[in-house]
Amino acid sequence: MSAVTRQLSGAHETLRAYTRRIDIPGLGEVAMPPPDKLAYYAGIGVLTALQVIEWPLALVITAGHLLADQHLSGLAKGIGEALQSA
């Protein structure tokens, strides 16, 4: 499987995970993350609101989590397909 195909399949998995949409007045349609990710982001938000962590740190943690999730979804799918074909 080529690197481009792995990236496209990883992006497809991420897109499929965010298929639920909600209509927010003023913003329009917004994609909702899966429940486990929503709970994670809510936890980061609560920690930030309670000032347990500072908001710049919360942004860095959230951005890192999003980037890692994008990368690992394609990587995990590629490994799974390799194991299936073996």
C-alpha atoms as a PDB file:
ATOM      1  CA  MET A   1       0.000   0.000   0.000  1.00  0.00           C
ATOM      2  CA  SER A   2       1.502   3.326  -1.002  1.00  0.00           C
ATOM      3  CA  ALA A   3       1.920   6.254   1.361  1.00  0.00           C
ATOM      4  CA  VAL A   4      -0.709   8.253  -0.536  1.00  0.00           C
ATOM      5  CA  THR A   5      -3.253   5.454  -0.233  1.00  0.00           C
ATOM      6  CA  ARG A   6      -2.556   5.143   3.502  1.00  0.00           C
ATOM      7  CA  GLN A   7      -3.050   8.873   3.962  1.00  0.00           C
ATOM      8  CA  LEU A   8      -6.306   8.826   2.012  1.00  0.00           C
ATOM      9  CA  SER A   9      -7.669   5.856   3.937  1.00  0.00           C
ATOM     10  CA  GLY A  10      -6.715   7.517   7.228  1.00  0.00           C
ATOM     11  CA  ALA A  11      -8.470  10.701   6.174  1.00  0.00           C
ATOM     12  CA  HIS A  12     -11.503   8.657   5.131  1.00  0.00           C
ATOM     13  CA  GLU A  13     -11.640   6.986   8.568  1.00  0.00           C
ATOM     14  CA  THR A  14     -11.407  10.368  10.290  1.00  0.00           C
ATOM     15  CA  LEU A  15     -14.142  11.751   8.058  1.00  0.00           C
ATOM     16  CA  ARG A  16     -16.375   8.757   8.805  1.00  0.00           C
ATOM     17  CA  ALA A  17     -15.837   9.201  12.564  1.00  0.00           C
ATOM     18  CA  TYR A  18     -17.091  12.798  12.317  1.00  0.00           C
ATOM     19  CA  THR A  19     -20.284  12.121  10.345  1.00  0.00           C
ATOM     20  CA  ARG A  20     -22.712  13.332  13.013  1.00  0.00           C
ATOM     21  CA  ARG A  21     -23.583  16.963  12.436  1.00  0.00           C
ATOM     22  CA  ILE A  22     -25.442  19.499  14.516  1.00  0.00           C
ATOM     23  CA  ASP A  23     -26.903  22.808  13.365  1.00  0.00           C
ATOM     24  CA  ILE A  24     -25.741  25.701  15.560  1.00  0.00           C
ATOM     25  CA  PRO A  25     -27.415  29.077  14.986  1.00  0.00           C
ATOM     26  CA  GLY A  26     -24.897  31.601  13.727  1.00  0.00           C
ATOM     27  CA  LEU A  27     -22.275  28.951  12.926  1.00  0.00           C
ATOM     28  CA  GLY A  28     -24.244  26.612  10.685  1.00  0.00           C
ATOM     29  CA  GLU A  29     -23.636  22.879  10.508  1.00  0.00           C
ATOM     30  CA  VAL A  30     -20.821  21.611  12.715  1.00  0.00           C
ATOM     31  CA  ALA A  31     -19.363  18.068  12.717  1.00  0.00           C
ATOM     32  CA  MET A  32     -19.490  16.382  16.120  1.00  0.00           C
ATOM     33  CA  PRO A  33     -16.637  14.117  17.237  1.00  0.00           C
ATOM     34  CA  PRO A  34     -17.321  10.580  18.531  1.00  0.00           C
ATOM     35  CA  PRO A  35     -18.462  10.371  22.177  1.00  0.00           C
ATOM     36  CA  ASP A  36     -15.073   9.270  23.549  1.00  0.00           C
ATOM     37  CA  LYS A  37     -13.286  12.200  21.928  1.00  0.00           C
ATOM     38  CA  LEU A  38     -16.052  14.575  22.992  1.00  0.00           C
ATOM     39  CA  ALA A  39     -15.564  13.450  26.611  1.00  0.00           C
ATOM     40  CA  TYR A  40     -11.800  14.005  26.302  1.00  0.00           C
ATOM     41  CA  TYR A  41     -12.264  17.537  24.950  1.00  0.00           C
ATOM     42  CA  ALA A  42     -14.867  18.292  27.626  1.00  0.00           C
ATOM     43  CA  GLY A  43     -12.413  17.104  30.289  1.00  0.00           C
ATOM     44  CA  ILE A  44      -9.727  19.431  28.945  1.00  0.00           C
ATOM     45  CA  GLY A  45     -12.298  22.246  28.929  1.00  0.00           C
ATOM     46  CA  VAL A  46     -13.302  21.568  32.543  1.00  0.00           C
ATOM     47  CA  LEU A  47      -9.669  21.500  33.681  1.00  0.00           C
ATOM     48  CA  THR A  48      -9.108  24.802  31.898  1.00  0.00           C
ATOM     49  CA  ALA A  49     -12.265  26.372  33.358  1.00  0.00           C
ATOM     50  CA  LEU A  50     -11.228  25.309  36.868  1.00  0.00           C
ATOM     51  CA  GLN A  51      -7.764  26.769  36.160  1.00  0.00           C
ATOM     52  CA  VAL A  52      -6.057  23.457  36.845  1.00  0.00           C
ATOM     53  CA  ILE A  53      -4.242  23.961  33.532  1.00  0.00           C
ATOM     54  CA  GLU A  54      -3.696  27.204  31.637  1.00  0.00           C
ATOM     55  CA  TRP A  55      -5.558  27.817  28.372  1.00  0.00           C
ATOM     56  CA  PRO A  56      -2.397  27.857  26.168  1.00  0.00           C
ATOM     57  CA  LEU A  57      -1.493  24.418  27.503  1.00  0.00           C
ATOM     58  CA  ALA A  58      -5.041  23.201  26.842  1.00  0.00           C
ATOM     59  CA  LEU A  59      -4.747  24.402  23.231  1.00  0.00           C
ATOM     60  CA  VAL A  60      -1.413  22.634  22.761  1.00  0.00           C
ATOM     61  CA  ILE A  61      -2.734  19.395  24.282  1.00  0.00           C
ATOM     62  CA  THR A  62      -5.857  19.491  22.115  1.00  0.00           C
ATOM     63  CA  ALA A  63      -3.927  20.292  18.931  1.00  0.00           C
ATOM     64  CA  GLY A  64      -1.436  17.507  19.655  1.00  0.00           C
ATOM     65  CA  HIS A  65      -4.259  15.068  20.291  1.00  0.00           C
ATOM     66  CA  LEU A  66      -5.948  16.000  17.005  1.00  0.00           C
ATOM     67  CA  LEU A  67      -2.717  15.642  15.028  1.00  0.00           C
ATOM     68  CA  ALA A  68      -1.836  12.316  16.659  1.00  0.00           C
ATOM     69  CA  ASP A  69      -5.344  11.004  16.020  1.00  0.00           C
ATOM     70  CA  GLN A  70      -5.120  11.915  12.339  1.00  0.00           C
ATOM     71  CA  HIS A  71      -1.733  10.243  11.970  1.00  0.00           C
ATOM     72  CA  LEU A  72      -2.488   7.130  14.008  1.00  0.00           C
ATOM     73  CA  SER A  73      -5.814   6.388  12.327  1.00  0.00           C
ATOM     74  CA  GLY A  74      -4.052   5.876   8.990  1.00  0.00           C
ATOM     75  CA  LEU A  75      -1.159   4.028  10.611  1.00  0.00           C
ATOM     76  CA  ALA A  76      -3.414   1.635  12.541  1.00  0.00           C
ATOM     77  CA  LYS A  77      -5.495   0.897   9.452  1.00  0.00           C
ATOM     78  CA  GLY A  78      -2.357   0.177   7.421  1.00  0.00           C
ATOM     79  CA  ILE A  79      -1.041  -2.203  10.082  1.00  0.00           C
ATOM     80  CA  GLY A  80      -4.423  -3.944  10.312  1.00  0.00           C
ATOM     81  CA  GLU A  81      -4.558  -4.462   6.556  1.00  0.00           C
ATOM     82  CA  ALA A  82      -0.989  -5.785   6.539  1.00  0.00           C
ATOM     83  CA  LEU A  83      -1.838  -8.284   9.281  1.00  0.00           C
ATOM     84  CA  GLN A  84      -4.960  -9.406   7.433  1.00  0.00           C
ATOM     85  CA  SER A  85      -3.060 -10.077   4.237  1.00  0.00           C
ATOM     86  CA  ALA A  86      -0.306 -12.034   6.058  1.00  0.00           C
END
